[in-house]
Amino acid sequence: MRPHLWPQSELSLSYVSKDVHCEDLSTEEFIPEYSSILPLTTISHKECQARVEHLTHLMYLASVYEWNVVRAFYATVLMEIQRGRLNWGDSFTSLEIRAMAG
């Protein structure tokens, strides 16, 4: 498994004593926490660019689908990356189709 930062790992100090999971994040919490991962020196420029593009696409999807479906799609993408089956910059279309189809 290749570890990757999840948005809830960068939550502000007000969440430090709470057990927060990705599926608990609202869009208002998800976006700034996801964005806070981007400037970290532990990720490459290529990964950063791919993550920005993915976040943009997630926000488009959130305007069309329920947030819980979009959030589940994101979690699936990150799990596949952690398992080494996908990389940032790969196409996530097959996962998206399955997630959005319900």
PDB file of N, CA and C in Angstrom:
ATOM      1  N   MET A   1       0.832  -1.183   0.000  1.00  0.00           N
ATOM      2  CA  MET A   1       0.000   0.000   0.000  1.00  0.00           C
ATOM      3  C   MET A   1       0.875   1.244   0.000  1.00  0.00           C
ATOM      4  N   ARG A   2       0.493   2.203  -0.825  1.00  0.00           N
ATOM      5  CA  ARG A   2       1.188   3.483  -0.878  1.00  0.00           C
ATOM      6  C   ARG A   2       0.353   4.512  -0.124  1.00  0.00           C
ATOM      7  N   PRO A   3       0.841   5.006   0.999  1.00  0.00           N
ATOM      8  CA  PRO A   3       0.036   5.963   1.767  1.00  0.00           C
ATOM      9  C   PRO A   3      -0.127   7.293   1.043  1.00  0.00           C
ATOM     10  N   HIS A   4      -1.304   7.853   1.145  1.00  0.00           N
ATOM     11  CA  HIS A   4      -1.617   9.169   0.595  1.00  0.00           C
ATOM     12  C   HIS A   4      -2.414   9.935   1.619  1.00  0.00           C
ATOM     13  N   LEU A   5      -2.269  11.236   1.597  1.00  0.00           N
ATOM     14  CA  LEU A   5      -3.013  12.077   2.526  1.00  0.00           C
ATOM     15  C   LEU A   5      -4.480  12.157   2.113  1.00  0.00           C
ATOM     16  N   TRP A   6      -5.351  11.981   3.086  1.00  0.00           N
ATOM     17  CA  TRP A   6      -6.780  12.169   2.893  1.00  0.00           C
ATOM     18  C   TRP A   6      -7.109  13.578   3.369  1.00  0.00           C
ATOM     19  N   PRO A   7      -8.151  14.201   2.820  1.00  0.00           N
ATOM     20  CA  PRO A   7      -8.475  15.570   3.221  1.00  0.00           C
ATOM     21  C   PRO A   7      -8.643  15.749   4.728  1.00  0.00           C
ATOM     22  N   GLN A   8      -9.251  14.786   5.405  1.00  0.00           N
ATOM     23  CA  GLN A   8      -9.473  14.951   6.838  1.00  0.00           C
ATOM     24  C   GLN A   8      -8.173  14.954   7.637  1.00  0.00           C
ATOM     25  N   SER A   9      -7.065  14.517   7.026  1.00  0.00           N
ATOM     26  CA  SER A   9      -5.780  14.530   7.728  1.00  0.00           C
ATOM     27  C   SER A   9      -5.257  15.951   7.912  1.00  0.00           C
ATOM     28  N   GLU A  10      -5.805  16.894   7.175  1.00  0.00           N
ATOM     29  CA  GLU A  10      -5.356  18.280   7.249  1.00  0.00           C
ATOM     30  C   GLU A  10      -6.393  19.209   7.885  1.00  0.00           C
ATOM     31  N   LEU A  11      -7.341  18.624   8.605  1.00  0.00           N
ATOM     32  CA  LEU A  11      -8.368  19.452   9.249  1.00  0.00           C
ATOM     33  C   LEU A  11      -7.757  20.377  10.281  1.00  0.00           C
ATOM     34  N   SER A  12      -8.410  21.494  10.502  1.00  0.00           N
ATOM     35  CA  SER A  12      -7.913  22.488  11.458  1.00  0.00           C
ATOM     36  C   SER A  12      -7.938  21.937  12.883  1.00  0.00           C
ATOM     37  N   LEU A  13      -7.321  22.651  13.780  1.00  0.00           N
ATOM     38  CA  LEU A  13      -7.216  22.218  15.173  1.00  0.00           C
ATOM     39  C   LEU A  13      -8.572  22.022  15.845  1.00  0.00           C
ATOM     40  N   SER A  14      -9.614  22.649  15.368  1.00  0.00           N
ATOM     41  CA  SER A  14     -10.937  22.486  15.976  1.00  0.00           C
ATOM     42  C   SER A  14     -11.470  21.066  15.838  1.00  0.00           C
ATOM     43  N   TYR A  15     -10.856  20.274  14.945  1.00  0.00           N
ATOM     44  CA  TYR A  15     -11.281  18.890  14.738  1.00  0.00           C
ATOM     45  C   TYR A  15     -10.348  17.870  15.386  1.00  0.00           C
ATOM     46  N   VAL A  16      -9.303  18.344  16.047  1.00  0.00           N
ATOM     47  CA  VAL A  16      -8.253  17.456  16.522  1.00  0.00           C
ATOM     48  C   VAL A  16      -8.762  16.357  17.457  1.00  0.00           C
ATOM     49  N   SER A  17      -9.749  16.645  18.265  1.00  0.00           N
ATOM     50  CA  SER A  17     -10.240  15.652  19.216  1.00  0.00           C
ATOM     51  C   SER A  17     -11.375  14.811  18.646  1.00  0.00           C
ATOM     52  N   LYS A  18     -11.721  15.025  17.407  1.00  0.00           N
ATOM     53  CA  LYS A  18     -12.828  14.293  16.794  1.00  0.00           C
ATOM     54  C   LYS A  18     -12.287  13.219  15.856  1.00  0.00           C
ATOM     55  N   ASP A  19     -13.023  12.126  15.763  1.00  0.00           N
ATOM     56  CA  ASP A  19     -12.677  11.047  14.845  1.00  0.00           C
ATOM     57  C   ASP A  19     -13.407  11.326  13.526  1.00  0.00           C
ATOM     58  N   VAL A  20     -12.769  12.069  12.638  1.00  0.00           N
ATOM     59  CA  VAL A  20     -13.404  12.509  11.394  1.00  0.00           C
ATOM     60  C   VAL A  20     -12.914  11.643  10.241  1.00  0.00           C
ATOM     61  N   HIS A  21     -13.845  11.200   9.426  1.00  0.00           N
ATOM     62  CA  HIS A  21     -13.536  10.371   8.259  1.00  0.00           C
ATOM     63  C   HIS A  21     -13.945  11.127   6.995  1.00  0.00           C
ATOM     64  N   CYS A  22     -13.392  10.708   5.882  1.00  0.00           N
ATOM     65  CA  CYS A  22     -13.696  11.363   4.604  1.00  0.00           C
ATOM     66  C   CYS A  22     -15.198  11.427   4.348  1.00  0.00           C
ATOM     67  N   GLU A  23     -15.903  10.357   4.680  1.00  0.00           N
ATOM     68  CA  GLU A  23     -17.338  10.325   4.414  1.00  0.00           C
ATOM     69  C   GLU A  23     -18.139  11.286   5.299  1.00  0.00           C
ATOM     70  N   ASP A  24     -17.477  11.885   6.304  1.00  0.00           N
ATOM     71  CA  ASP A  24     -18.135  12.851   7.173  1.00  0.00           C
ATOM     72  C   ASP A  24     -18.009  14.291   6.666  1.00  0.00           C
ATOM     73  N   LEU A  25     -17.120  14.534   5.729  1.00  0.00           N
ATOM     74  CA  LEU A  25     -16.826  15.904   5.304  1.00  0.00           C
ATOM     75  C   LEU A  25     -17.899  16.466   4.381  1.00  0.00           C
ATOM     76  N   SER A  26     -18.329  17.676   4.700  1.00  0.00           N
ATOM     77  CA  SER A  26     -19.212  18.410   3.797  1.00  0.00           C
ATOM     78  C   SER A  26     -18.342  19.021   2.694  1.00  0.00           C
ATOM     79  N   THR A  27     -18.960  19.551   1.659  1.00  0.00           N
ATOM     80  CA  THR A  27     -18.161  20.207   0.618  1.00  0.00           C
ATOM     81  C   THR A  27     -17.404  21.391   1.205  1.00  0.00           C
ATOM     82  N   GLU A  28     -18.031  22.087   2.161  1.00  0.00           N
ATOM     83  CA  GLU A  28     -17.384  23.246   2.787  1.00  0.00           C
ATOM     84  C   GLU A  28     -16.136  22.848   3.566  1.00  0.00           C
ATOM     85  N   GLU A  29     -16.100  21.636   4.101  1.00  0.00           N
ATOM     86  CA  GLU A  29     -14.919  21.140   4.816  1.00  0.00           C
ATOM     87  C   GLU A  29     -13.929  20.490   3.860  1.00  0.00           C
ATOM     88  N   PHE A  30     -14.445  19.785   2.878  1.00  0.00           N
ATOM     89  CA  PHE A  30     -13.614  19.023   1.950  1.00  0.00           C
ATOM     90  C   PHE A  30     -12.694  19.918   1.128  1.00  0.00           C
ATOM     91  N   ILE A  31     -13.233  20.971   0.538  1.00  0.00           N
ATOM     92  CA  ILE A  31     -12.456  21.802  -0.393  1.00  0.00           C
ATOM     93  C   ILE A  31     -11.236  22.439   0.274  1.00  0.00           C
ATOM     94  N   PRO A  32     -11.377  23.138   1.388  1.00  0.00           N
ATOM     95  CA  PRO A  32     -10.168  23.729   1.976  1.00  0.00           C
ATOM     96  C   PRO A  32      -9.180  22.690   2.491  1.00  0.00           C
ATOM     97  N   GLU A  33      -9.683  21.572   2.987  1.00  0.00           N
ATOM     98  CA  GLU A  33      -8.777  20.544   3.505  1.00  0.00           C
ATOM     99  C   GLU A  33      -8.052  19.847   2.356  1.00  0.00           C
ATOM    100  N   TYR A  34      -8.759  19.569   1.275  1.00  0.00           N
ATOM    101  CA  TYR A  34      -8.128  18.994   0.086  1.00  0.00           C
ATOM    102  C   TYR A  34      -7.078  19.963  -0.451  1.00  0.00           C
ATOM    103  N   SER A  35      -7.441  21.241  -0.521  1.00  0.00           N
ATOM    104  CA  SER A  35      -6.528  22.257  -1.045  1.00  0.00           C
ATOM    105  C   SER A  35      -5.287  22.422  -0.177  1.00  0.00           C
ATOM    106  N   SER A  36      -5.406  22.172   1.111  1.00  0.00           N
ATOM    107  CA  SER A  36      -4.254  22.326   2.001  1.00  0.00           C
ATOM    108  C   SER A  36      -3.197  21.256   1.765  1.00  0.00           C
ATOM    109  N   ILE A  37      -3.565  20.164   1.107  1.00  0.00           N
ATOM    110  CA  ILE A  37      -2.605  19.101   0.768  1.00  0.00           C
ATOM    111  C   ILE A  37      -1.712  19.551  -0.387  1.00  0.00           C
ATOM    112  N   LEU A  38      -2.239  20.370  -1.274  1.00  0.00           N
ATOM    113  CA  LEU A  38      -1.552  20.720  -2.520  1.00  0.00           C
ATOM    114  C   LEU A  38      -0.187  21.378  -2.356  1.00  0.00           C
ATOM    115  N   PRO A  39      -0.009  22.314  -1.447  1.00  0.00           N
ATOM    116  CA  PRO A  39       1.317  22.949  -1.346  1.00  0.00           C
ATOM    117  C   PRO A  39       2.355  22.151  -0.560  1.00  0.00           C
ATOM    118  N   LEU A  40       1.985  20.986  -0.057  1.00  0.00           N
ATOM    119  CA  LEU A  40       2.937  20.207   0.733  1.00  0.00           C
ATOM    120  C   LEU A  40       4.119  19.767  -0.122  1.00  0.00           C
ATOM    121  N   THR A  41       5.282  19.783   0.459  1.00  0.00           N
ATOM    122  CA  THR A  41       6.490  19.420  -0.283  1.00  0.00           C
ATOM    123  C   THR A  41       6.601  17.920  -0.513  1.00  0.00           C
ATOM    124  N   THR A  42       5.754  17.144   0.133  1.00  0.00           N
ATOM    125  CA  THR A  42       5.834  15.691  -0.007  1.00  0.00           C
ATOM    126  C   THR A  42       5.203  15.177  -1.302  1.00  0.00           C
ATOM    127  N   ILE A  43       4.520  16.043  -2.044  1.00  0.00           N
ATOM    128  CA  ILE A  43       3.949  15.590  -3.310  1.00  0.00           C
ATOM    129  C   ILE A  43       4.661  16.288  -4.469  1.00  0.00           C
ATOM    130  N   SER A  44       4.748  15.583  -5.574  1.00  0.00           N
ATOM    131  CA  SER A  44       5.441  16.116  -6.747  1.00  0.00           C
ATOM    132  C   SER A  44       4.573  17.156  -7.456  1.00  0.00           C
ATOM    133  N   HIS A  45       5.218  17.921  -8.328  1.00  0.00           N
ATOM    134  CA  HIS A  45       4.484  18.910  -9.130  1.00  0.00           C
ATOM    135  C   HIS A  45       3.437  18.208  -9.991  1.00  0.00           C
ATOM    136  N   LYS A  46       3.797  17.073 -10.567  1.00  0.00           N
ATOM    137  CA  LYS A  46       2.869  16.318 -11.419  1.00  0.00           C
ATOM    138  C   LYS A  46       1.649  15.868 -10.613  1.00  0.00           C
ATOM    139  N   GLU A  47       1.898  15.347  -9.405  1.00  0.00           N
ATOM    140  CA  GLU A  47       0.781  14.920  -8.555  1.00  0.00           C
ATOM    141  C   GLU A  47      -0.075  16.107  -8.155  1.00  0.00           C
ATOM    142  N   CYS A  48       0.551  17.211  -7.819  1.00  0.00           N
ATOM    143  CA  CYS A  48      -0.181  18.417  -7.444  1.00  0.00           C
ATOM    144  C   CYS A  48      -1.095  18.868  -8.578  1.00  0.00           C
ATOM    145  N   GLN A  49      -0.572  18.910  -9.781  1.00  0.00           N
ATOM    146  CA  GLN A  49      -1.363  19.319 -10.945  1.00  0.00           C
ATOM    147  C   GLN A  49      -2.524  18.351 -11.176  1.00  0.00           C
ATOM    148  N   ALA A  50      -2.265  17.058 -11.058  1.00  0.00           N
ATOM    149  CA  ALA A  50      -3.321  16.061 -11.255  1.00  0.00           C
ATOM    150  C   ALA A  50      -4.390  16.190 -10.169  1.00  0.00           C
ATOM    151  N   ARG A  51      -3.970  16.476  -8.933  1.00  0.00           N
ATOM    152  CA  ARG A  51      -4.930  16.648  -7.843  1.00  0.00           C
ATOM    153  C   ARG A  51      -5.792  17.898  -8.065  1.00  0.00           C
ATOM    154  N   VAL A  52      -5.195  18.985  -8.542  1.00  0.00           N
ATOM    155  CA  VAL A  52      -5.964  20.206  -8.823  1.00  0.00           C
ATOM    156  C   VAL A  52      -7.005  19.916  -9.902  1.00  0.00           C
ATOM    157  N   GLU A  53      -6.606  19.233 -10.949  1.00  0.00           N
ATOM    158  CA  GLU A  53      -7.548  18.877 -12.014  1.00  0.00           C
ATOM    159  C   GLU A  53      -8.662  17.979 -11.480  1.00  0.00           C
ATOM    160  N   HIS A  54      -8.290  17.049 -10.614  1.00  0.00           N
ATOM    161  CA  HIS A  54      -9.282  16.140 -10.040  1.00  0.00           C
ATOM    162  C   HIS A  54     -10.255  16.905  -9.129  1.00  0.00           C
ATOM    163  N   LEU A  55      -9.740  17.822  -8.316  1.00  0.00           N
ATOM    164  CA  LEU A  55     -10.605  18.623  -7.457  1.00  0.00           C
ATOM    165  C   LEU A  55     -11.584  19.441  -8.296  1.00  0.00           C
ATOM    166  N   THR A  56     -11.109  20.027  -9.373  1.00  0.00           N
ATOM    167  CA  THR A  56     -11.978  20.788 -10.275  1.00  0.00           C
ATOM    168  C   THR A  56     -13.085  19.898 -10.818  1.00  0.00           C
ATOM    169  N   HIS A  57     -12.714  18.691 -11.217  1.00  0.00           N
ATOM    170  CA  HIS A  57     -13.710  17.750 -11.745  1.00  0.00           C
ATOM    171  C   HIS A  57     -14.687  17.320 -10.647  1.00  0.00           C
ATOM    172  N   LEU A  58     -14.186  17.090  -9.446  1.00  0.00           N
ATOM    173  CA  LEU A  58     -15.068  16.724  -8.337  1.00  0.00           C
ATOM    174  C   LEU A  58     -16.100  17.816  -8.075  1.00  0.00           C
ATOM    175  N   MET A  59     -15.674  19.071  -8.148  1.00  0.00           N
ATOM    176  CA  MET A  59     -16.605  20.165  -7.898  1.00  0.00           C
ATOM    177  C   MET A  59     -17.643  20.276  -9.013  1.00  0.00           C
ATOM    178  N   TYR A  60     -17.242  19.967 -10.242  1.00  0.00           N
ATOM    179  CA  TYR A  60     -18.222  19.900 -11.327  1.00  0.00           C
ATOM    180  C   TYR A  60     -19.236  18.795 -11.025  1.00  0.00           C
ATOM    181  N   LEU A  61     -18.732  17.610 -10.663  1.00  0.00           N
ATOM    182  CA  LEU A  61     -19.631  16.491 -10.361  1.00  0.00           C
ATOM    183  C   LEU A  61     -20.577  16.838  -9.216  1.00  0.00           C
ATOM    184  N   ALA A  62     -20.069  17.578  -8.223  1.00  0.00           N
ATOM    185  CA  ALA A  62     -20.904  17.965  -7.077  1.00  0.00           C
ATOM    186  C   ALA A  62     -22.047  18.892  -7.487  1.00  0.00           C
ATOM    187  N   SER A  63     -21.894  19.569  -8.622  1.00  0.00           N
ATOM    188  CA  SER A  63     -22.980  20.433  -9.099  1.00  0.00           C
ATOM    189  C   SER A  63     -24.062  19.629  -9.828  1.00  0.00           C
ATOM    190  N   VAL A  64     -23.739  18.377 -10.155  1.00  0.00           N
ATOM    191  CA  VAL A  64     -24.667  17.532 -10.901  1.00  0.00           C
ATOM    192  C   VAL A  64     -25.229  16.392 -10.037  1.00  0.00           C
ATOM    193  N   TYR A  65     -24.407  15.848  -9.157  1.00  0.00           N
ATOM    194  CA  TYR A  65     -24.775  14.685  -8.337  1.00  0.00           C
ATOM    195  C   TYR A  65     -24.793  15.058  -6.857  1.00  0.00           C
ATOM    196  N   GLU A  66     -25.386  14.191  -6.067  1.00  0.00           N
ATOM    197  CA  GLU A  66     -25.373  14.364  -4.614  1.00  0.00           C
ATOM    198  C   GLU A  66     -23.937  14.293  -4.107  1.00  0.00           C
ATOM    199  N   TRP A  67     -23.631  15.099  -3.098  1.00  0.00           N
ATOM    200  CA  TRP A  67     -22.269  15.170  -2.565  1.00  0.00           C
ATOM    201  C   TRP A  67     -21.792  13.825  -2.038  1.00  0.00           C
ATOM    202  N   ASN A  68     -22.657  13.045  -1.408  1.00  0.00           N
ATOM    203  CA  ASN A  68     -22.215  11.756  -0.872  1.00  0.00           C
ATOM    204  C   ASN A  68     -21.753  10.803  -1.977  1.00  0.00           C
ATOM    205  N   VAL A  69     -22.324  10.901  -3.155  1.00  0.00           N
ATOM    206  CA  VAL A  69     -21.902  10.070  -4.287  1.00  0.00           C
ATOM    207  C   VAL A  69     -20.530  10.521  -4.792  1.00  0.00           C
ATOM    208  N   VAL A  70     -20.349  11.818  -4.897  1.00  0.00           N
ATOM    209  CA  VAL A  70     -19.073  12.379  -5.359  1.00  0.00           C
ATOM    210  C   VAL A  70     -17.969  12.061  -4.355  1.00  0.00           C
ATOM    211  N   ARG A  71     -18.274  12.216  -3.095  1.00  0.00           N
ATOM    212  CA  ARG A  71     -17.304  11.926  -2.031  1.00  0.00           C
ATOM    213  C   ARG A  71     -16.915  10.448  -2.039  1.00  0.00           C
ATOM    214  N   ALA A  72     -17.871   9.562  -2.278  1.00  0.00           N
ATOM    215  CA  ALA A  72     -17.586   8.127  -2.360  1.00  0.00           C
ATOM    216  C   ALA A  72     -16.695   7.832  -3.572  1.00  0.00           C
ATOM    217  N   PHE A  73     -16.946   8.512  -4.677  1.00  0.00           N
ATOM    218  CA  PHE A  73     -16.095   8.363  -5.866  1.00  0.00           C
ATOM    219  C   PHE A  73     -14.667   8.771  -5.538  1.00  0.00           C
ATOM    220  N   TYR A  74     -14.499   9.909  -4.875  1.00  0.00           N
ATOM    221  CA  TYR A  74     -13.162  10.358  -4.488  1.00  0.00           C
ATOM    222  C   TYR A  74     -12.477   9.332  -3.589  1.00  0.00           C
ATOM    223  N   ALA A  75     -13.199   8.808  -2.616  1.00  0.00           N
ATOM    224  CA  ALA A  75     -12.625   7.813  -1.705  1.00  0.00           C
ATOM    225  C   ALA A  75     -12.187   6.567  -2.474  1.00  0.00           C
ATOM    226  N   THR A  76     -12.965   6.165  -3.459  1.00  0.00           N
ATOM    227  CA  THR A  76     -12.608   5.006  -4.279  1.00  0.00           C
ATOM    228  C   THR A  76     -11.333   5.277  -5.067  1.00  0.00           C
ATOM    229  N   VAL A  77     -11.226   6.460  -5.649  1.00  0.00           N
ATOM    230  CA  VAL A  77     -10.019   6.845  -6.388  1.00  0.00           C
ATOM    231  C   VAL A  77      -8.804   6.771  -5.471  1.00  0.00           C
ATOM    232  N   LEU A  78      -8.917   7.367  -4.302  1.00  0.00           N
ATOM    233  CA  LEU A  78      -7.771   7.392  -3.393  1.00  0.00           C
ATOM    234  C   LEU A  78      -7.396   5.984  -2.925  1.00  0.00           C
ATOM    235  N   MET A  79      -8.390   5.142  -2.681  1.00  0.00           N
ATOM    236  CA  MET A  79      -8.091   3.760  -2.285  1.00  0.00           C
ATOM    237  C   MET A  79      -7.368   3.011  -3.411  1.00  0.00           C
ATOM    238  N   GLU A  80      -7.777   3.221  -4.645  1.00  0.00           N
ATOM    239  CA  GLU A  80      -7.120   2.554  -5.774  1.00  0.00           C
ATOM    240  C   GLU A  80      -5.689   3.058  -5.946  1.00  0.00           C
ATOM    241  N   ILE A  81      -5.463   4.327  -5.667  1.00  0.00           N
ATOM    242  CA  ILE A  81      -4.105   4.873  -5.721  1.00  0.00           C
ATOM    243  C   ILE A  81      -3.266   4.276  -4.600  1.00  0.00           C
ATOM    244  N   GLN A  82      -3.835   4.188  -3.410  1.00  0.00           N
ATOM    245  CA  GLN A  82      -3.105   3.601  -2.289  1.00  0.00           C
ATOM    246  C   GLN A  82      -2.760   2.140  -2.549  1.00  0.00           C
ATOM    247  N   ARG A  83      -3.637   1.435  -3.206  1.00  0.00           N
ATOM    248  CA  ARG A  83      -3.399   0.016  -3.514  1.00  0.00           C
ATOM    249  C   ARG A  83      -2.399  -0.171  -4.653  1.00  0.00           C
ATOM    250  N   GLY A  84      -2.020   0.926  -5.313  1.00  0.00           N
ATOM    251  CA  GLY A  84      -1.064   0.849  -6.406  1.00  0.00           C
ATOM    252  C   GLY A  84      -1.679   0.490  -7.739  1.00  0.00           C
ATOM    253  N   ARG A  85      -2.990   0.500  -7.833  1.00  0.00           N
ATOM    254  CA  ARG A  85      -3.681   0.159  -9.081  1.00  0.00           C
ATOM    255  C   ARG A  85      -3.807   1.353 -10.015  1.00  0.00           C
ATOM    256  N   LEU A  86      -3.773   2.563  -9.443  1.00  0.00           N
ATOM    257  CA  LEU A  86      -3.851   3.798 -10.219  1.00  0.00           C
ATOM    258  C   LEU A  86      -2.836   4.787  -9.688  1.00  0.00           C
ATOM    259  N   ASN A  87      -2.561   5.802 -10.490  1.00  0.00           N
ATOM    260  CA  ASN A  87      -1.688   6.904 -10.095  1.00  0.00           C
ATOM    261  C   ASN A  87      -2.393   8.212 -10.382  1.00  0.00           C
ATOM    262  N   TRP A  88      -1.962   9.282  -9.693  1.00  0.00           N
ATOM    263  CA  TRP A  88      -2.484  10.594 -10.020  1.00  0.00           C
ATOM    264  C   TRP A  88      -2.128  10.898 -11.472  1.00  0.00           C
ATOM    265  N   GLY A  89      -3.088  11.369 -12.221  1.00  0.00           N
ATOM    266  CA  GLY A  89      -2.890  11.652 -13.635  1.00  0.00           C
ATOM    267  C   GLY A  89      -3.491  10.578 -14.521  1.00  0.00           C
ATOM    268  N   ASP A  90      -3.789   9.394 -13.950  1.00  0.00           N
ATOM    269  CA  ASP A  90      -4.468   8.344 -14.711  1.00  0.00           C
ATOM    270  C   ASP A  90      -5.924   8.736 -14.932  1.00  0.00           C
ATOM    271  N   SER A  91      -6.575   8.049 -15.828  1.00  0.00           N
ATOM    272  CA  SER A  91      -8.001   8.252 -16.038  1.00  0.00           C
ATOM    273  C   SER A  91      -8.777   7.520 -14.950  1.00  0.00           C
ATOM    274  N   PHE A  92      -9.738   8.215 -14.343  1.00  0.00           N
ATOM    275  CA  PHE A  92     -10.595   7.611 -13.339  1.00  0.00           C
ATOM    276  C   PHE A  92     -12.005   7.403 -13.886  1.00  0.00           C
ATOM    277  N   THR A  93     -12.139   7.447 -15.207  1.00  0.00           N
ATOM    278  CA  THR A  93     -13.448   7.398 -15.853  1.00  0.00           C
ATOM    279  C   THR A  93     -14.231   6.142 -15.501  1.00  0.00           C
ATOM    280  N   SER A  94     -13.595   4.982 -15.498  1.00  0.00           N
ATOM    281  CA  SER A  94     -14.337   3.746 -15.211  1.00  0.00           C
ATOM    282  C   SER A  94     -14.875   3.771 -13.784  1.00  0.00           C
ATOM    283  N   LEU A  95     -14.093   4.287 -12.840  1.00  0.00           N
ATOM    284  CA  LEU A  95     -14.558   4.402 -11.462  1.00  0.00           C
ATOM    285  C   LEU A  95     -15.697   5.418 -11.359  1.00  0.00           C
ATOM    286  N   GLU A  96     -15.555   6.504 -12.110  1.00  0.00           N
ATOM    287  CA  GLU A  96     -16.596   7.544 -12.102  1.00  0.00           C
ATOM    288  C   GLU A  96     -17.913   7.002 -12.629  1.00  0.00           C
ATOM    289  N   ILE A  97     -17.855   6.289 -13.722  1.00  0.00           N
ATOM    290  CA  ILE A  97     -19.081   5.733 -14.326  1.00  0.00           C
ATOM    291  C   ILE A  97     -19.790   4.828 -13.330  1.00  0.00           C
ATOM    292  N   ARG A  98     -19.019   3.952 -12.692  1.00  0.00           N
ATOM    293  CA  ARG A  98     -19.625   3.037 -11.702  1.00  0.00           C
ATOM    294  C   ARG A  98     -20.199   3.792 -10.511  1.00  0.00           C
ATOM    295  N   ALA A  99     -19.460   4.775 -10.013  1.00  0.00           N
ATOM    296  CA  ALA A  99     -19.915   5.526  -8.838  1.00  0.00           C
ATOM    297  C   ALA A  99     -21.166   6.345  -9.128  1.00  0.00           C
ATOM    298  N   MET A 100     -21.190   6.993 -10.271  1.00  0.00           N
ATOM    299  CA  MET A 100     -22.309   7.874 -10.591  1.00  0.00           C
ATOM    300  C   MET A 100     -23.545   7.083 -11.012  1.00  0.00           C
ATOM    301  N   ALA A 101     -23.338   5.843 -11.454  1.00  0.00           N
ATOM    302  CA  ALA A 101     -24.473   5.005 -11.839  1.00  0.00           C
ATOM    303  C   ALA A 101     -25.196   4.452 -10.619  1.00  0.00           C
ATOM    304  N   GLY A 102     -24.538   4.544  -9.472  1.00  0.00           N
ATOM    305  CA  GLY A 102     -25.198   4.145  -8.246  1.00  0.00           C
ATOM    306  C   GLY A 102     -24.856   2.767  -7.800  1.00  0.00           C
TER     307      GLY A 102
END
